[in-house]
């Protein structure tokens, strides 16, 4: 069908960002081993990002570009244009090059879908950029082994954090292969955080403990 009427197809992407700094606030960080504790003065920024994706085809007869959604209608497997709107609350503090905390919310900012912390004043390391630790077995019931590999010389401390954010175990790293017992911990999800000498997380891994 397309080749009968169109000789070219192009995808158009447009992004519109609306942002407004609404007020000053304070954020207190505590009981989080990967963050720098304390109270920070922040600027609150409400941001709305509208991303629109549309597909146009060029008519062979006239050379005119037309939206495929108008031409093909229900014959397309998706509705065009595709419009995705995201809403964020960003908290900025002068010490950080990225927003200190980012909340993904609904349009009215009364429901939070996701929270991202940027942990380091020096580098603003995002969670998704961290190296994953080699942990096995996972799930575990009695004992866990960790291979820290090339990070061995950089890691100062390993912290085991439960679902509530509480550190339940911590120990120094003396070799590439580390072990710790899990049979004294309740079953559930944990995060293993590897901290350097500055107290920054440089690697982590999720761990599921199953009680037998």
Protein backbone atom coordinates (compact mmCIF):
# COMPACT_ATOMS: atom_id res chain seq x y z
CA UNK A 1 0.00 0.00 0.00
CA UNK A 2 2.70 2.49 0.96
CA UNK A 3 4.84 1.85 -2.10
CA UNK A 4 1.82 2.47 -4.36
CA UNK A 5 1.28 6.03 -3.22
CA UNK A 6 4.49 7.12 -1.46
CA UNK A 7 8.12 7.14 -2.55
CA UNK A 8 9.60 8.17 0.82
CA UNK A 9 8.70 7.98 4.49
CA UNK A 10 10.10 10.14 7.30
CA UNK A 11 9.73 10.10 11.06
CA UNK A 12 9.34 13.47 12.75
CA UNK A 13 10.16 13.96 16.41
CA UNK A 14 9.47 17.13 18.33
CA UNK A 15 10.17 17.81 22.00
CA UNK A 16 8.72 20.75 23.90
CA UNK A 17 9.91 21.41 27.46
CA UNK A 18 8.06 23.79 29.75
CA UNK A 19 9.74 24.55 33.06
CA UNK A 20 8.99 26.81 35.99
CA UNK A 21 10.84 27.39 39.25
CA UNK A 22 8.07 27.62 41.80
CA UNK A 23 9.61 27.92 45.24
CA UNK A 24 12.51 27.19 47.57
CA UNK A 25 12.44 24.18 49.85
CA UNK A 26 14.70 22.04 52.03
CA UNK A 27 15.56 18.36 51.70
CA UNK A 28 16.96 16.34 54.60
CA UNK A 29 18.93 13.17 53.79
CA UNK A 30 19.38 10.54 56.49
CA UNK A 31 19.71 6.75 56.83
CA UNK A 32 20.97 6.48 53.26
CA UNK A 33 24.54 5.13 53.10
CA UNK A 34 25.12 6.23 49.52
CA UNK A 35 24.13 9.86 50.02
CA UNK A 36 25.73 12.75 51.83
CA UNK A 37 23.65 13.31 54.95
CA UNK A 38 22.34 16.67 56.00
CA UNK A 39 19.78 19.30 55.08
CA UNK A 40 20.02 21.06 51.73
CA UNK A 41 18.41 24.26 50.49
CA UNK A 42 16.90 23.56 47.08
CA UNK A 43 15.02 25.28 44.31
CA UNK A 44 11.93 23.38 43.19
CA UNK A 45 11.44 23.19 39.42
CA UNK A 46 8.25 21.85 37.89
CA UNK A 47 8.95 20.53 34.38
CA UNK A 48 6.67 19.23 31.67
CA UNK A 49 8.11 17.53 28.60
CA UNK A 50 5.92 16.86 25.58
CA UNK A 51 7.35 14.45 23.01
CA UNK A 52 5.50 13.97 19.74
CA UNK A 53 6.35 11.35 17.14
CA UNK A 54 4.68 11.43 13.74
CA UNK A 55 5.28 9.66 10.42
CA UNK A 56 4.88 11.43 7.07
CA UNK A 57 4.87 10.01 3.58
CA UNK A 58 5.74 11.81 0.33
CA UNK A 59 3.12 11.37 -2.39
CA UNK A 60 4.54 10.10 -5.68
CA UNK A 61 2.11 12.17 -7.75
CA UNK A 62 2.62 15.57 -6.14
CA UNK A 63 5.77 15.30 -4.00
CA UNK A 64 3.73 16.59 -1.06
CA UNK A 65 4.46 15.29 2.45
CA UNK A 66 1.33 14.06 4.28
CA UNK A 67 0.84 12.58 7.80
CA UNK A 68 0.23 8.83 7.44
CA UNK A 69 -2.36 8.99 10.20
CA UNK A 70 -4.54 11.18 7.98
CA UNK A 71 -4.05 9.06 4.87
CA UNK A 72 -4.23 5.50 6.22
CA UNK A 73 -6.32 5.94 9.37
CA UNK A 74 -7.35 2.59 10.87
CA UNK A 75 -4.99 0.65 8.59
CA UNK A 76 -2.03 1.66 10.78
CA UNK A 77 -1.10 -0.61 13.73
CA UNK A 78 -0.82 2.45 16.01
CA UNK A 79 -2.40 5.85 16.41
CA UNK A 80 -0.38 8.72 14.98
CA UNK A 81 0.94 11.08 16.11
CA UNK A 82 2.23 9.43 19.29
CA UNK A 83 2.24 12.02 22.07
CA UNK A 84 4.02 11.27 25.33
CA UNK A 85 3.92 13.83 28.14
CA UNK A 86 6.06 13.44 31.25
CA UNK A 87 5.92 15.51 34.41
CA UNK A 88 8.81 15.98 36.83
CA UNK A 89 9.61 17.86 40.00
CA UNK A 90 13.34 18.62 40.10
CA UNK A 91 15.06 19.83 43.27
CA UNK A 92 18.25 21.77 42.54
CA UNK A 93 20.98 22.68 45.01
CA UNK A 94 24.14 24.63 44.08
CA UNK A 95 26.48 21.82 45.18
CA UNK A 96 25.20 19.44 42.50
CA UNK A 97 25.54 19.66 38.73
CA UNK A 98 22.35 17.60 38.26
CA UNK A 99 19.04 17.89 40.13
CA UNK A 100 19.57 16.62 43.67
CA UNK A 101 16.27 14.73 43.61
CA UNK A 102 13.93 14.07 40.67
CA UNK A 103 10.29 12.99 41.09
CA UNK A 104 8.32 11.59 38.15
CA UNK A 105 4.69 12.53 38.81
CA UNK A 106 1.28 12.84 37.25
CA UNK A 107 0.11 16.11 35.69
CA UNK A 108 -1.09 17.60 38.97
CA UNK A 109 2.02 16.48 40.93
CA UNK A 110 -0.06 14.73 43.58
CA UNK A 111 1.05 11.19 42.66
CA UNK A 112 4.71 10.15 42.51
CA UNK A 113 5.61 7.35 40.07
CA UNK A 114 9.39 7.25 40.54
CA UNK A 115 12.16 8.99 42.51
CA UNK A 116 15.79 9.38 41.40
CA UNK A 117 18.58 10.54 43.71
CA UNK A 118 21.89 11.96 42.48
CA UNK A 119 24.25 10.94 45.18
CA UNK A 120 27.55 12.73 44.75
CA UNK A 121 28.48 16.40 44.98
CA UNK A 122 31.52 15.67 42.81
CA UNK A 123 30.04 13.60 40.01
CA UNK A 124 26.25 13.40 40.49
CA UNK A 125 26.26 9.67 39.81
CA UNK A 126 22.90 8.36 38.62
CA UNK A 127 21.78 4.95 39.82
CA UNK A 128 21.52 3.55 36.29
CA UNK A 129 25.17 4.46 35.59
CA UNK A 130 26.54 2.31 38.44
CA UNK A 131 28.50 -0.87 37.78
CA UNK A 132 26.71 -4.09 38.73
CA UNK A 133 28.41 -6.36 41.26
CA UNK A 134 28.84 -10.03 40.39
CA UNK A 135 26.77 -11.73 43.11
CA UNK A 136 25.97 -15.44 43.36
CA UNK A 137 23.87 -17.37 44.12
CA UNK A 138 21.00 -14.98 43.62
CA UNK A 139 18.43 -15.78 45.05
CA UNK A 140 20.39 -16.90 48.12
CA UNK A 141 19.42 -18.73 51.30
CA UNK A 142 22.59 -19.27 53.36
CA UNK A 143 25.64 -17.55 51.88
CA UNK A 144 26.49 -15.07 49.12
CA UNK A 145 29.72 -14.72 47.13
CA UNK A 146 30.72 -11.48 45.43
CA UNK A 147 33.39 -10.96 42.82
CA UNK A 148 34.44 -7.30 42.94
CA UNK A 149 36.85 -7.72 40.01
CA UNK A 150 38.73 -4.60 38.92
CA UNK A 151 36.85 -2.49 41.48
CA UNK A 152 38.54 -4.32 44.34
CA UNK A 153 41.11 -1.57 44.99
CA UNK A 154 38.47 1.18 44.82
CA UNK A 155 35.90 -0.38 47.15
CA UNK A 156 36.29 0.59 50.78
CA UNK A 157 33.06 -0.81 52.20
CA UNK A 158 30.12 -3.03 51.29
CA UNK A 159 26.70 -2.17 52.74
CA UNK A 160 23.64 -4.41 52.64
CA UNK A 161 20.45 -2.33 52.60
CA UNK A 162 16.95 -3.72 53.12
CA UNK A 163 13.71 -2.59 51.45
CA UNK A 164 13.14 0.16 54.03
CA UNK A 165 16.56 1.71 53.31
CA UNK A 166 18.12 0.44 56.56
CA UNK A 167 21.70 -0.84 56.48
CA UNK A 168 21.61 -4.35 57.96
CA UNK A 169 25.23 -5.35 57.32
CA UNK A 170 28.46 -3.58 56.45
CA UNK A 171 32.01 -4.85 56.09
CA UNK A 172 35.36 -3.90 54.61
CA UNK A 173 36.65 -5.40 51.36
CA UNK A 174 39.99 -7.18 51.58
CA UNK A 175 39.98 -9.34 48.44
CA UNK A 176 38.32 -9.72 45.06
CA UNK A 177 36.07 -12.52 46.33
CA UNK A 178 33.92 -11.63 49.35
CA UNK A 179 31.38 -13.73 51.21
CA UNK A 180 28.73 -13.09 53.83
CA UNK A 181 26.02 -15.16 55.49
CA UNK A 182 22.38 -14.54 54.66
CA UNK A 183 20.66 -17.07 56.93
CA UNK A 184 20.43 -14.46 59.69
CA UNK A 185 18.48 -12.02 57.50
CA UNK A 186 14.71 -12.08 56.85
CA UNK A 187 13.64 -13.13 53.39
CA UNK A 188 13.06 -10.36 50.88
CA UNK A 189 14.82 -7.94 48.53
CA UNK A 190 18.09 -6.22 49.46
CA UNK A 191 20.60 -3.96 47.71
CA UNK A 192 24.35 -4.47 48.04
CA UNK A 193 26.12 -1.11 47.73
CA UNK A 194 29.88 -0.82 47.21
CA UNK A 195 31.26 2.47 48.57
CA UNK A 196 34.62 4.08 47.88
CA UNK A 197 36.73 6.02 50.41
CA UNK A 198 34.59 9.14 49.87
CA UNK A 199 31.45 7.23 50.81
CA UNK A 200 30.14 7.28 47.23
CA UNK A 201 28.44 4.24 45.72
CA UNK A 202 30.45 2.99 42.74
CA UNK A 203 28.70 -0.37 42.22
CA UNK A 204 25.63 -2.20 43.45
CA UNK A 205 23.39 -5.21 42.92
CA UNK A 206 19.94 -6.35 43.98
CA UNK A 207 19.79 -9.53 46.05
CA UNK A 208 16.82 -11.76 46.84
CA UNK A 209 17.09 -13.75 50.07
CA UNK A 210 14.85 -16.80 50.46
CA UNK A 211 14.45 -18.37 53.89
CA UNK A 212 14.40 -22.15 53.84
